[in-house]
Each structure stands twice: as structure tokens, then as C-alpha cells.
Amino acid sequence: MKRTFYAVSIAVILAILLARLTKLSAAETTQPAAEIKIDNFSFAPAVLTVPAGTQVTWTNRDDIPHNVTTDGAAIKSKTLYTDDKFSFTFTKPGTYQYFCSIHPKMKGTVVVK
């Protein structure tokens, strides 16, 4: 009886430790994140510098629709209405210039290190 109790206790402790280690590993592999706000016909910040692997999220805070696109459409969002969001993960270093194709004078840059 005592052996069964100890075996179950050890199994429970090992399960708890394994769950905590798994949770820590997941937290360590979480991608960095950054946000760009769209408001008043502009992207803010206009230039964002992030490390490779960062997920950037654009949020439309304007009362009119906008989108996010690059020449060649490597990055292309759907039309974003008020409070809509679009995310893209930048995996390779470089300078990414983007704009709103609905309002082409709206421009921004993401620099990936």
C-alpha cells in the first residue's frame, strides 16, 4: 500500500514538473511582437526597427478603411476597417517599405535587424 502511494506521489510530482518545464519552454519560444497604429492617414511609428522573427501587427484606429501592402505584394492585408488588425512576421533582415494602396501617400518602413 505504501509503495503504491509513493509511486503515485512521485508520478504526480513528475507530471507537475514536466508541465512547468513545458510552459517555460513555450514562453522562451514566443515571438517578439510590435504594433503599428493607423490613424489620421498615417502609420505610427512611421519607421519601426525590430529583430528578425518579430510579428508586427497593424491596427486601424482611423474612421475610414486602409490596408497594408508592399510593391510586389510580399505583404498584403485585406481592407482594414476601424479596429481591424493585420499581422505579419518578419523572418529575414532587411528594410521593408509599405504603403496603403487606398491612400498611396501613406507610407511606412519596417527595418528588420
N, C-alpha and C. Protein backbone atom coordinates (compact mmCIF):
# COMPACT_ATOMS: atom_id res chain seq x y z
N MET A 1 0.81 -1.19 0.00
CA MET A 1 0.00 0.00 0.00
C MET A 1 0.87 1.27 0.00
N LYS A 2 1.91 1.27 0.86
CA LYS A 2 2.78 2.44 0.93
C LYS A 2 3.53 2.63 -0.39
N ARG A 3 3.96 1.52 -1.01
CA ARG A 3 4.67 1.62 -2.28
C ARG A 3 3.78 2.23 -3.35
N THR A 4 2.53 1.85 -3.39
CA THR A 4 1.60 2.41 -4.36
C THR A 4 1.42 3.90 -4.13
N PHE A 5 1.26 4.29 -2.87
CA PHE A 5 1.11 5.71 -2.52
C PHE A 5 2.34 6.51 -2.97
N TYR A 6 3.53 6.01 -2.68
CA TYR A 6 4.75 6.70 -3.06
C TYR A 6 4.91 6.76 -4.57
N ALA A 7 4.58 5.68 -5.25
CA ALA A 7 4.68 5.66 -6.72
C ALA A 7 3.74 6.68 -7.34
N VAL A 8 2.51 6.76 -6.81
CA VAL A 8 1.54 7.75 -7.33
C VAL A 8 2.03 9.16 -7.01
N SER A 9 2.53 9.38 -5.81
CA SER A 9 3.03 10.70 -5.42
C SER A 9 4.18 11.15 -6.32
N ILE A 10 5.11 10.24 -6.58
CA ILE A 10 6.24 10.57 -7.44
C ILE A 10 5.75 10.86 -8.86
N ALA A 11 4.80 10.08 -9.35
CA ALA A 11 4.25 10.30 -10.70
C ALA A 11 3.58 11.67 -10.79
N VAL A 12 2.84 12.05 -9.75
CA VAL A 12 2.17 13.36 -9.74
C VAL A 12 3.20 14.49 -9.73
N ILE A 13 4.22 14.36 -8.91
CA ILE A 13 5.26 15.39 -8.83
C ILE A 13 5.99 15.51 -10.17
N LEU A 14 6.31 14.38 -10.79
CA LEU A 14 6.97 14.42 -12.09
C LEU A 14 6.08 15.05 -13.16
N ALA A 15 4.79 14.77 -13.12
CA ALA A 15 3.86 15.37 -14.08
C ALA A 15 3.79 16.88 -13.90
N ILE A 16 3.78 17.34 -12.66
CA ILE A 16 3.74 18.78 -12.39
C ILE A 16 5.03 19.44 -12.89
N LEU A 17 6.16 18.83 -12.60
CA LEU A 17 7.44 19.38 -13.05
C LEU A 17 7.51 19.42 -14.58
N LEU A 18 7.07 18.36 -15.23
CA LEU A 18 7.08 18.32 -16.69
C LEU A 18 6.18 19.42 -17.27
N ALA A 19 5.02 19.63 -16.67
CA ALA A 19 4.10 20.67 -17.14
C ALA A 19 4.74 22.04 -17.00
N ARG A 20 5.42 22.28 -15.90
CA ARG A 20 6.08 23.59 -15.69
C ARG A 20 7.23 23.79 -16.67
N LEU A 21 8.01 22.76 -16.91
CA LEU A 21 9.10 22.87 -17.88
C LEU A 21 8.57 23.12 -19.28
N THR A 22 7.49 22.46 -19.65
CA THR A 22 6.88 22.67 -20.96
C THR A 22 6.39 24.10 -21.08
N LYS A 23 5.78 24.62 -20.03
CA LYS A 23 5.30 26.01 -20.04
C LYS A 23 6.46 26.99 -20.18
N LEU A 24 7.55 26.74 -19.48
CA LEU A 24 8.73 27.61 -19.60
C LEU A 24 9.30 27.56 -21.01
N SER A 25 9.37 26.37 -21.60
CA SER A 25 9.91 26.25 -22.96
C SER A 25 9.04 27.00 -23.95
N ALA A 26 7.72 26.92 -23.81
CA ALA A 26 6.81 27.64 -24.71
C ALA A 26 7.01 29.14 -24.55
N ALA A 27 7.20 29.62 -23.33
CA ALA A 27 7.39 31.05 -23.11
C ALA A 27 8.69 31.53 -23.75
N GLU A 28 9.72 30.71 -23.72
CA GLU A 28 11.00 31.10 -24.31
C GLU A 28 10.95 31.19 -25.82
N THR A 29 10.05 30.43 -26.47
CA THR A 29 9.99 30.43 -27.92
C THR A 29 8.93 31.37 -28.47
N THR A 30 8.27 32.12 -27.60
CA THR A 30 7.27 33.08 -28.06
C THR A 30 7.94 34.16 -28.88
N GLN A 31 7.30 34.49 -30.00
CA GLN A 31 7.86 35.51 -30.88
C GLN A 31 7.75 36.88 -30.23
N PRO A 32 8.74 37.74 -30.49
CA PRO A 32 8.57 39.12 -30.08
C PRO A 32 7.44 39.75 -30.90
N ALA A 33 6.85 40.79 -30.38
CA ALA A 33 5.73 41.44 -31.08
C ALA A 33 5.91 42.96 -31.06
N ALA A 34 5.34 43.59 -32.06
CA ALA A 34 5.37 45.05 -32.16
C ALA A 34 4.07 45.50 -32.81
N GLU A 35 3.69 46.75 -32.57
CA GLU A 35 2.44 47.26 -33.12
C GLU A 35 2.65 48.57 -33.85
N ILE A 36 1.91 48.71 -34.95
CA ILE A 36 1.86 49.96 -35.69
C ILE A 36 0.40 50.38 -35.74
N LYS A 37 0.14 51.62 -35.37
CA LYS A 37 -1.23 52.13 -35.40
C LYS A 37 -1.45 52.93 -36.68
N ILE A 38 -2.62 52.76 -37.25
CA ILE A 38 -3.03 53.52 -38.42
C ILE A 38 -4.06 54.53 -37.93
N ASP A 39 -3.75 55.82 -38.08
CA ASP A 39 -4.67 56.85 -37.61
C ASP A 39 -4.35 58.16 -38.32
N ASN A 40 -5.40 58.91 -38.63
CA ASN A 40 -5.24 60.22 -39.23
C ASN A 40 -4.37 60.17 -40.50
N PHE A 41 -4.64 59.16 -41.33
CA PHE A 41 -3.94 58.98 -42.60
C PHE A 41 -2.43 58.83 -42.42
N SER A 42 -2.01 58.12 -41.35
CA SER A 42 -0.59 57.87 -41.16
C SER A 42 -0.37 56.57 -40.40
N PHE A 43 0.85 56.04 -40.53
CA PHE A 43 1.29 54.87 -39.79
C PHE A 43 2.18 55.36 -38.65
N ALA A 44 1.96 54.87 -37.45
CA ALA A 44 2.77 55.30 -36.31
C ALA A 44 3.22 54.09 -35.50
N PRO A 45 4.52 53.93 -35.35
CA PRO A 45 5.57 54.80 -35.86
C PRO A 45 5.75 54.64 -37.37
N ALA A 46 6.24 55.68 -38.00
CA ALA A 46 6.47 55.66 -39.45
C ALA A 46 7.62 54.71 -39.80
N VAL A 47 8.61 54.61 -38.91
CA VAL A 47 9.73 53.68 -39.07
C VAL A 47 9.81 52.85 -37.80
N LEU A 48 9.76 51.54 -37.97
CA LEU A 48 9.82 50.62 -36.84
C LEU A 48 11.01 49.69 -37.06
N THR A 49 11.88 49.55 -36.05
CA THR A 49 13.02 48.65 -36.13
C THR A 49 12.77 47.49 -35.17
N VAL A 50 12.88 46.26 -35.70
CA VAL A 50 12.60 45.06 -34.91
C VAL A 50 13.64 43.99 -35.21
N PRO A 51 13.81 43.03 -34.30
CA PRO A 51 14.69 41.89 -34.61
C PRO A 51 13.96 40.91 -35.53
N ALA A 52 14.73 40.12 -36.27
CA ALA A 52 14.13 39.08 -37.12
C ALA A 52 13.31 38.15 -36.24
N GLY A 53 12.18 37.70 -36.79
CA GLY A 53 11.28 36.82 -36.05
C GLY A 53 10.15 37.55 -35.35
N THR A 54 10.11 38.88 -35.50
CA THR A 54 9.09 39.68 -34.83
C THR A 54 7.79 39.68 -35.61
N GLN A 55 6.69 39.51 -34.90
CA GLN A 55 5.37 39.65 -35.51
C GLN A 55 4.93 41.11 -35.32
N VAL A 56 4.67 41.77 -36.44
CA VAL A 56 4.20 43.16 -36.40
C VAL A 56 2.71 43.15 -36.69
N THR A 57 1.96 43.89 -35.87
CA THR A 57 0.51 43.99 -36.04
C THR A 57 0.15 45.44 -36.31
N TRP A 58 -0.57 45.65 -37.41
CA TRP A 58 -1.11 46.96 -37.76
C TRP A 58 -2.56 46.99 -37.28
N THR A 59 -2.95 48.08 -36.60
CA THR A 59 -4.33 48.24 -36.13
C THR A 59 -4.88 49.54 -36.68
N ASN A 60 -6.01 49.45 -37.37
CA ASN A 60 -6.63 50.66 -37.94
C ASN A 60 -7.44 51.36 -36.87
N ARG A 61 -6.98 52.51 -36.43
CA ARG A 61 -7.69 53.35 -35.45
C ARG A 61 -8.39 54.51 -36.13
N ASP A 62 -8.34 54.54 -37.46
CA ASP A 62 -8.96 55.60 -38.23
C ASP A 62 -10.44 55.27 -38.48
N ASP A 63 -11.21 56.27 -38.86
CA ASP A 63 -12.63 56.07 -39.14
C ASP A 63 -12.89 55.62 -40.57
N ILE A 64 -11.84 55.53 -41.36
CA ILE A 64 -12.00 55.10 -42.75
C ILE A 64 -11.11 53.91 -43.02
N PRO A 65 -11.41 53.12 -44.05
CA PRO A 65 -10.61 51.91 -44.32
C PRO A 65 -9.23 52.23 -44.88
N HIS A 66 -8.31 51.34 -44.55
CA HIS A 66 -6.93 51.39 -45.05
C HIS A 66 -6.48 49.96 -45.30
N ASN A 67 -5.30 49.81 -45.86
CA ASN A 67 -4.67 48.49 -45.97
C ASN A 67 -3.17 48.65 -45.85
N VAL A 68 -2.48 47.52 -45.86
CA VAL A 68 -1.01 47.49 -45.77
C VAL A 68 -0.53 46.62 -46.91
N THR A 69 0.35 47.17 -47.74
CA THR A 69 0.88 46.39 -48.86
C THR A 69 2.29 46.86 -49.21
N THR A 70 3.02 46.00 -49.91
CA THR A 70 4.34 46.35 -50.41
C THR A 70 4.33 46.21 -51.92
N ASP A 71 5.29 46.86 -52.57
CA ASP A 71 5.45 46.63 -54.01
C ASP A 71 5.70 45.14 -54.21
N GLY A 72 5.05 44.56 -55.17
CA GLY A 72 5.18 43.13 -55.40
C GLY A 72 4.30 42.29 -54.50
N ALA A 73 3.59 42.93 -53.59
CA ALA A 73 2.63 42.29 -52.69
C ALA A 73 3.22 41.18 -51.82
N ALA A 74 4.51 41.31 -51.44
CA ALA A 74 5.08 40.34 -50.49
C ALA A 74 4.32 40.41 -49.17
N ILE A 75 3.87 41.62 -48.83
CA ILE A 75 3.00 41.83 -47.67
C ILE A 75 1.73 42.45 -48.22
N LYS A 76 0.59 41.87 -47.88
CA LYS A 76 -0.67 42.42 -48.39
C LYS A 76 -1.80 42.07 -47.43
N SER A 77 -2.41 43.10 -46.87
CA SER A 77 -3.54 42.87 -45.98
C SER A 77 -4.85 43.01 -46.77
N LYS A 78 -5.91 42.56 -46.15
CA LYS A 78 -7.24 42.86 -46.67
C LYS A 78 -7.53 44.31 -46.29
N THR A 79 -8.64 44.83 -46.72
CA THR A 79 -9.04 46.17 -46.30
C THR A 79 -9.33 46.13 -44.81
N LEU A 80 -8.71 47.05 -44.08
CA LEU A 80 -8.87 47.11 -42.64
C LEU A 80 -9.83 48.23 -42.28
N TYR A 81 -10.94 47.87 -41.69
CA TYR A 81 -11.90 48.87 -41.22
C TYR A 81 -11.54 49.23 -39.78
N THR A 82 -12.23 50.18 -39.18
CA THR A 82 -11.92 50.64 -37.83
C THR A 82 -11.78 49.46 -36.87
N ASP A 83 -10.65 49.43 -36.16
CA ASP A 83 -10.29 48.42 -35.16
C ASP A 83 -9.88 47.06 -35.76
N ASP A 84 -9.88 46.91 -37.08
CA ASP A 84 -9.37 45.68 -37.68
C ASP A 84 -7.86 45.64 -37.53
N LYS A 85 -7.31 44.41 -37.51
CA LYS A 85 -5.88 44.21 -37.36
C LYS A 85 -5.35 43.31 -38.46
N PHE A 86 -4.07 43.50 -38.76
CA PHE A 86 -3.35 42.65 -39.71
C PHE A 86 -1.96 42.40 -39.13
N SER A 87 -1.52 41.14 -39.15
CA SER A 87 -0.20 40.80 -38.61
C SER A 87 0.66 40.12 -39.67
N PHE A 88 1.95 40.37 -39.57
CA PHE A 88 2.93 39.76 -40.46
C PHE A 88 4.20 39.51 -39.65
N THR A 89 4.79 38.33 -39.81
CA THR A 89 6.03 38.02 -39.11
C THR A 89 7.21 38.21 -40.06
N PHE A 90 8.14 39.06 -39.64
CA PHE A 90 9.33 39.37 -40.44
C PHE A 90 10.44 38.40 -40.03
N THR A 91 10.77 37.47 -40.93
CA THR A 91 11.75 36.44 -40.62
C THR A 91 13.15 36.75 -41.13
N LYS A 92 13.25 37.63 -42.12
CA LYS A 92 14.55 37.92 -42.72
C LYS A 92 14.94 39.38 -42.51
N PRO A 93 16.21 39.64 -42.18
CA PRO A 93 16.67 41.03 -42.05
C PRO A 93 16.51 41.79 -43.37
N GLY A 94 16.27 43.07 -43.24
CA GLY A 94 16.12 43.92 -44.42
C GLY A 94 15.27 45.13 -44.09
N THR A 95 15.06 45.97 -45.09
CA THR A 95 14.22 47.15 -44.96
C THR A 95 12.99 46.94 -45.82
N TYR A 96 11.83 46.99 -45.18
CA TYR A 96 10.56 46.73 -45.85
C TYR A 96 9.74 48.02 -45.88
N GLN A 97 9.56 48.57 -47.07
CA GLN A 97 8.76 49.77 -47.22
C GLN A 97 7.35 49.34 -47.63
N TYR A 98 6.37 49.89 -46.96
CA TYR A 98 4.98 49.53 -47.23
C TYR A 98 4.14 50.79 -47.37
N PHE A 99 2.92 50.63 -47.84
CA PHE A 99 2.03 51.77 -48.03
C PHE A 99 0.58 51.29 -47.99
N CYS A 100 -0.33 52.24 -47.98
CA CYS A 100 -1.77 51.95 -48.09
C CYS A 100 -2.13 52.14 -49.56
N SER A 101 -2.57 51.08 -50.23
CA SER A 101 -2.88 51.22 -51.66
C SER A 101 -4.16 52.01 -51.90
N ILE A 102 -4.96 52.19 -50.87
CA ILE A 102 -6.17 53.03 -50.99
C ILE A 102 -5.77 54.50 -50.94
N HIS A 103 -4.75 54.80 -50.13
CA HIS A 103 -4.23 56.18 -49.96
C HIS A 103 -2.71 56.11 -50.12
N PRO A 104 -2.19 56.06 -51.35
CA PRO A 104 -0.77 55.80 -51.60
C PRO A 104 0.22 56.77 -50.96
N LYS A 105 -0.24 57.93 -50.50
CA LYS A 105 0.69 58.85 -49.83
C LYS A 105 1.01 58.38 -48.41
N MET A 106 0.24 57.43 -47.90
CA MET A 106 0.50 56.85 -46.58
C MET A 106 1.60 55.81 -46.73
N LYS A 107 2.75 56.05 -46.08
CA LYS A 107 3.89 55.16 -46.22
C LYS A 107 4.51 54.88 -44.87
N GLY A 108 5.16 53.72 -44.77
CA GLY A 108 5.89 53.36 -43.56
C GLY A 108 7.01 52.41 -43.89
N THR A 109 7.85 52.15 -42.90
CA THR A 109 9.01 51.29 -43.09
C THR A 109 9.19 50.40 -41.86
N VAL A 110 9.48 49.13 -42.11
CA VAL A 110 9.91 48.22 -41.04
C VAL A 110 11.33 47.81 -41.36
N VAL A 111 12.24 48.06 -40.41
CA VAL A 111 13.64 47.67 -40.55
C VAL A 111 13.84 46.44 -39.67
N VAL A 112 14.27 45.35 -40.28
CA VAL A 112 14.46 44.10 -39.55
C VAL A 112 15.95 43.85 -39.42
N LYS A 113 16.42 43.73 -38.20
CA LYS A 113 17.86 43.53 -37.90
C LYS A 113 18.15 42.05 -37.76
